[in-house]
Amino acid sequence: MRIVKRDGRIDMIEGVERIEDRTKIVDILKQHDYQNIEIKQSDGRIVLINRTVKTKVK
């Protein structure tokens, strides 16, 4: 988890989660509006999917 501050106040919270490799990439993209997705492949197979979800604090 990472907390981003702006002007001394918490602006955004980021959390990393591991996703099951059987999940379709299109479905992963539809789940959140703000996210970073890391995909690792070995021998033509996806071996790891990590997603960093960003939540803006109001």
N, C-alpha and C. Protein backbone atom coordinates (compact mmCIF):
# COMPACT_ATOMS: atom_id res chain seq x y z
N MET A 1 0.84 -1.16 0.00
CA MET A 1 0.00 0.00 0.00
C MET A 1 0.90 1.23 0.00
N ARG A 2 0.43 2.24 -0.71
CA ARG A 2 1.18 3.50 -0.79
C ARG A 2 0.20 4.65 -0.63
N ILE A 3 0.61 5.65 0.12
CA ILE A 3 -0.21 6.84 0.34
C ILE A 3 0.48 8.01 -0.33
N VAL A 4 -0.26 8.76 -1.15
CA VAL A 4 0.28 9.91 -1.86
C VAL A 4 -0.28 11.17 -1.22
N LYS A 5 0.62 12.06 -0.81
CA LYS A 5 0.21 13.32 -0.20
C LYS A 5 0.42 14.46 -1.17
N ARG A 6 -0.46 15.44 -1.08
CA ARG A 6 -0.33 16.66 -1.87
C ARG A 6 -0.69 17.83 -0.95
N ASP A 7 0.19 18.78 -0.84
CA ASP A 7 0.00 19.94 0.04
C ASP A 7 -0.22 19.52 1.49
N GLY A 8 0.48 18.46 1.92
CA GLY A 8 0.41 18.01 3.31
C GLY A 8 -0.83 17.19 3.64
N ARG A 9 -1.69 16.94 2.67
CA ARG A 9 -2.91 16.17 2.90
C ARG A 9 -2.88 14.91 2.04
N ILE A 10 -3.53 13.86 2.54
CA ILE A 10 -3.61 12.61 1.79
C ILE A 10 -4.47 12.84 0.55
N ASP A 11 -3.90 12.56 -0.62
CA ASP A 11 -4.59 12.79 -1.89
C ASP A 11 -5.06 11.49 -2.53
N MET A 12 -4.24 10.42 -2.39
CA MET A 12 -4.56 9.18 -3.07
C MET A 12 -3.99 8.00 -2.29
N ILE A 13 -4.70 6.89 -2.32
CA ILE A 13 -4.23 5.64 -1.72
C ILE A 13 -4.12 4.61 -2.84
N GLU A 14 -2.98 3.92 -2.88
CA GLU A 14 -2.75 2.89 -3.90
C GLU A 14 -2.53 1.55 -3.23
N GLY A 15 -3.22 0.53 -3.71
CA GLY A 15 -3.07 -0.82 -3.18
C GLY A 15 -2.77 -1.80 -4.30
N VAL A 16 -1.89 -2.77 -4.04
CA VAL A 16 -1.50 -3.76 -5.05
C VAL A 16 -2.20 -5.08 -4.74
N GLU A 17 -2.74 -5.71 -5.78
CA GLU A 17 -3.34 -7.03 -5.60
C GLU A 17 -2.91 -7.96 -6.73
N ARG A 18 -2.79 -9.21 -6.40
CA ARG A 18 -2.45 -10.23 -7.40
C ARG A 18 -3.75 -10.81 -7.94
N ILE A 19 -3.82 -10.95 -9.25
CA ILE A 19 -5.03 -11.43 -9.90
C ILE A 19 -4.78 -12.82 -10.46
N GLU A 20 -5.81 -13.64 -10.39
CA GLU A 20 -5.71 -14.99 -10.93
C GLU A 20 -5.43 -14.93 -12.43
N ASP A 21 -4.50 -15.73 -12.91
CA ASP A 21 -4.08 -15.64 -14.31
C ASP A 21 -5.13 -16.14 -15.29
N ARG A 22 -6.21 -16.69 -14.82
CA ARG A 22 -7.28 -17.15 -15.71
C ARG A 22 -8.26 -16.03 -16.05
N THR A 23 -8.15 -14.90 -15.38
CA THR A 23 -9.05 -13.78 -15.60
C THR A 23 -8.73 -13.11 -16.94
N LYS A 24 -9.75 -12.78 -17.71
CA LYS A 24 -9.54 -12.13 -18.99
C LYS A 24 -9.06 -10.69 -18.77
N ILE A 25 -8.12 -10.25 -19.57
CA ILE A 25 -7.55 -8.91 -19.44
C ILE A 25 -8.62 -7.84 -19.64
N VAL A 26 -9.54 -8.08 -20.56
CA VAL A 26 -10.62 -7.11 -20.80
C VAL A 26 -11.47 -6.94 -19.53
N ASP A 27 -11.74 -8.03 -18.83
CA ASP A 27 -12.52 -7.94 -17.60
C ASP A 27 -11.76 -7.19 -16.51
N ILE A 28 -10.45 -7.38 -16.45
CA ILE A 28 -9.62 -6.66 -15.47
C ILE A 28 -9.68 -5.17 -15.73
N LEU A 29 -9.59 -4.78 -17.00
CA LEU A 29 -9.62 -3.36 -17.36
C LEU A 29 -10.95 -2.70 -17.00
N LYS A 30 -12.03 -3.42 -17.07
CA LYS A 30 -13.35 -2.87 -16.79
C LYS A 30 -13.64 -2.69 -15.30
N GLN A 31 -12.86 -3.33 -14.43
CA GLN A 31 -13.18 -3.35 -13.00
C GLN A 31 -12.91 -2.04 -12.28
N HIS A 32 -11.92 -1.25 -12.70
CA HIS A 32 -11.56 0.00 -12.03
C HIS A 32 -11.26 1.09 -13.04
N ASP A 33 -11.53 2.34 -12.65
CA ASP A 33 -11.26 3.47 -13.54
C ASP A 33 -9.79 3.87 -13.52
N TYR A 34 -9.13 3.73 -12.36
CA TYR A 34 -7.73 4.15 -12.20
C TYR A 34 -6.94 2.95 -11.71
N GLN A 35 -6.07 2.42 -12.56
CA GLN A 35 -5.27 1.27 -12.19
C GLN A 35 -4.05 1.12 -13.09
N ASN A 36 -3.03 0.48 -12.56
CA ASN A 36 -1.86 0.07 -13.34
C ASN A 36 -1.86 -1.45 -13.32
N ILE A 37 -1.60 -2.05 -14.48
CA ILE A 37 -1.61 -3.51 -14.58
C ILE A 37 -0.24 -3.98 -15.07
N GLU A 38 0.32 -4.95 -14.36
CA GLU A 38 1.60 -5.55 -14.72
C GLU A 38 1.35 -7.01 -15.09
N ILE A 39 1.78 -7.40 -16.28
CA ILE A 39 1.60 -8.78 -16.75
C ILE A 39 2.96 -9.35 -17.08
N LYS A 40 3.25 -10.53 -16.52
CA LYS A 40 4.51 -11.21 -16.83
C LYS A 40 4.19 -12.51 -17.56
N GLN A 41 5.00 -12.78 -18.58
CA GLN A 41 4.79 -13.95 -19.43
C GLN A 41 6.08 -14.78 -19.48
N SER A 42 5.91 -16.10 -19.48
CA SER A 42 7.05 -17.00 -19.59
C SER A 42 6.64 -18.18 -20.48
N ASP A 43 7.46 -18.47 -21.47
CA ASP A 43 7.17 -19.56 -22.42
C ASP A 43 5.78 -19.42 -23.04
N GLY A 44 5.36 -18.18 -23.33
CA GLY A 44 4.08 -17.95 -23.98
C GLY A 44 2.87 -17.99 -23.07
N ARG A 45 3.08 -18.24 -21.77
CA ARG A 45 1.97 -18.30 -20.81
C ARG A 45 2.07 -17.13 -19.83
N ILE A 46 0.93 -16.60 -19.45
CA ILE A 46 0.90 -15.55 -18.42
C ILE A 46 1.16 -16.22 -17.08
N VAL A 47 2.16 -15.73 -16.35
CA VAL A 47 2.52 -16.32 -15.07
C VAL A 47 2.20 -15.40 -13.89
N LEU A 48 1.96 -14.11 -14.16
CA LEU A 48 1.70 -13.18 -13.07
C LEU A 48 0.93 -11.98 -13.58
N ILE A 49 -0.11 -11.60 -12.84
CA ILE A 49 -0.84 -10.36 -13.11
C ILE A 49 -0.97 -9.62 -11.79
N ASN A 50 -0.39 -8.44 -11.71
CA ASN A 50 -0.54 -7.58 -10.54
C ASN A 50 -1.27 -6.32 -10.97
N ARG A 51 -2.15 -5.85 -10.09
CA ARG A 51 -2.89 -4.63 -10.37
C ARG A 51 -2.70 -3.67 -9.21
N THR A 52 -2.35 -2.43 -9.52
CA THR A 52 -2.29 -1.36 -8.53
C THR A 52 -3.52 -0.50 -8.74
N VAL A 53 -4.41 -0.51 -7.73
CA VAL A 53 -5.64 0.27 -7.81
C VAL A 53 -5.43 1.58 -7.08
N LYS A 54 -5.84 2.66 -7.72
CA LYS A 54 -5.67 3.99 -7.17
C LYS A 54 -7.03 4.53 -6.74
N THR A 55 -7.11 4.98 -5.48
CA THR A 55 -8.34 5.54 -4.95
C THR A 55 -8.08 6.97 -4.50
N LYS A 56 -8.78 7.91 -5.09
CA LYS A 56 -8.62 9.32 -4.77
C LYS A 56 -9.40 9.62 -3.49
N VAL A 57 -8.75 10.30 -2.54
CA VAL A 57 -9.38 10.68 -1.28
C VAL A 57 -9.96 12.08 -1.45
N LYS A 58 -11.22 12.25 -1.06
CA LYS A 58 -11.88 13.54 -1.23
C LYS A 58 -11.66 14.45 -0.06
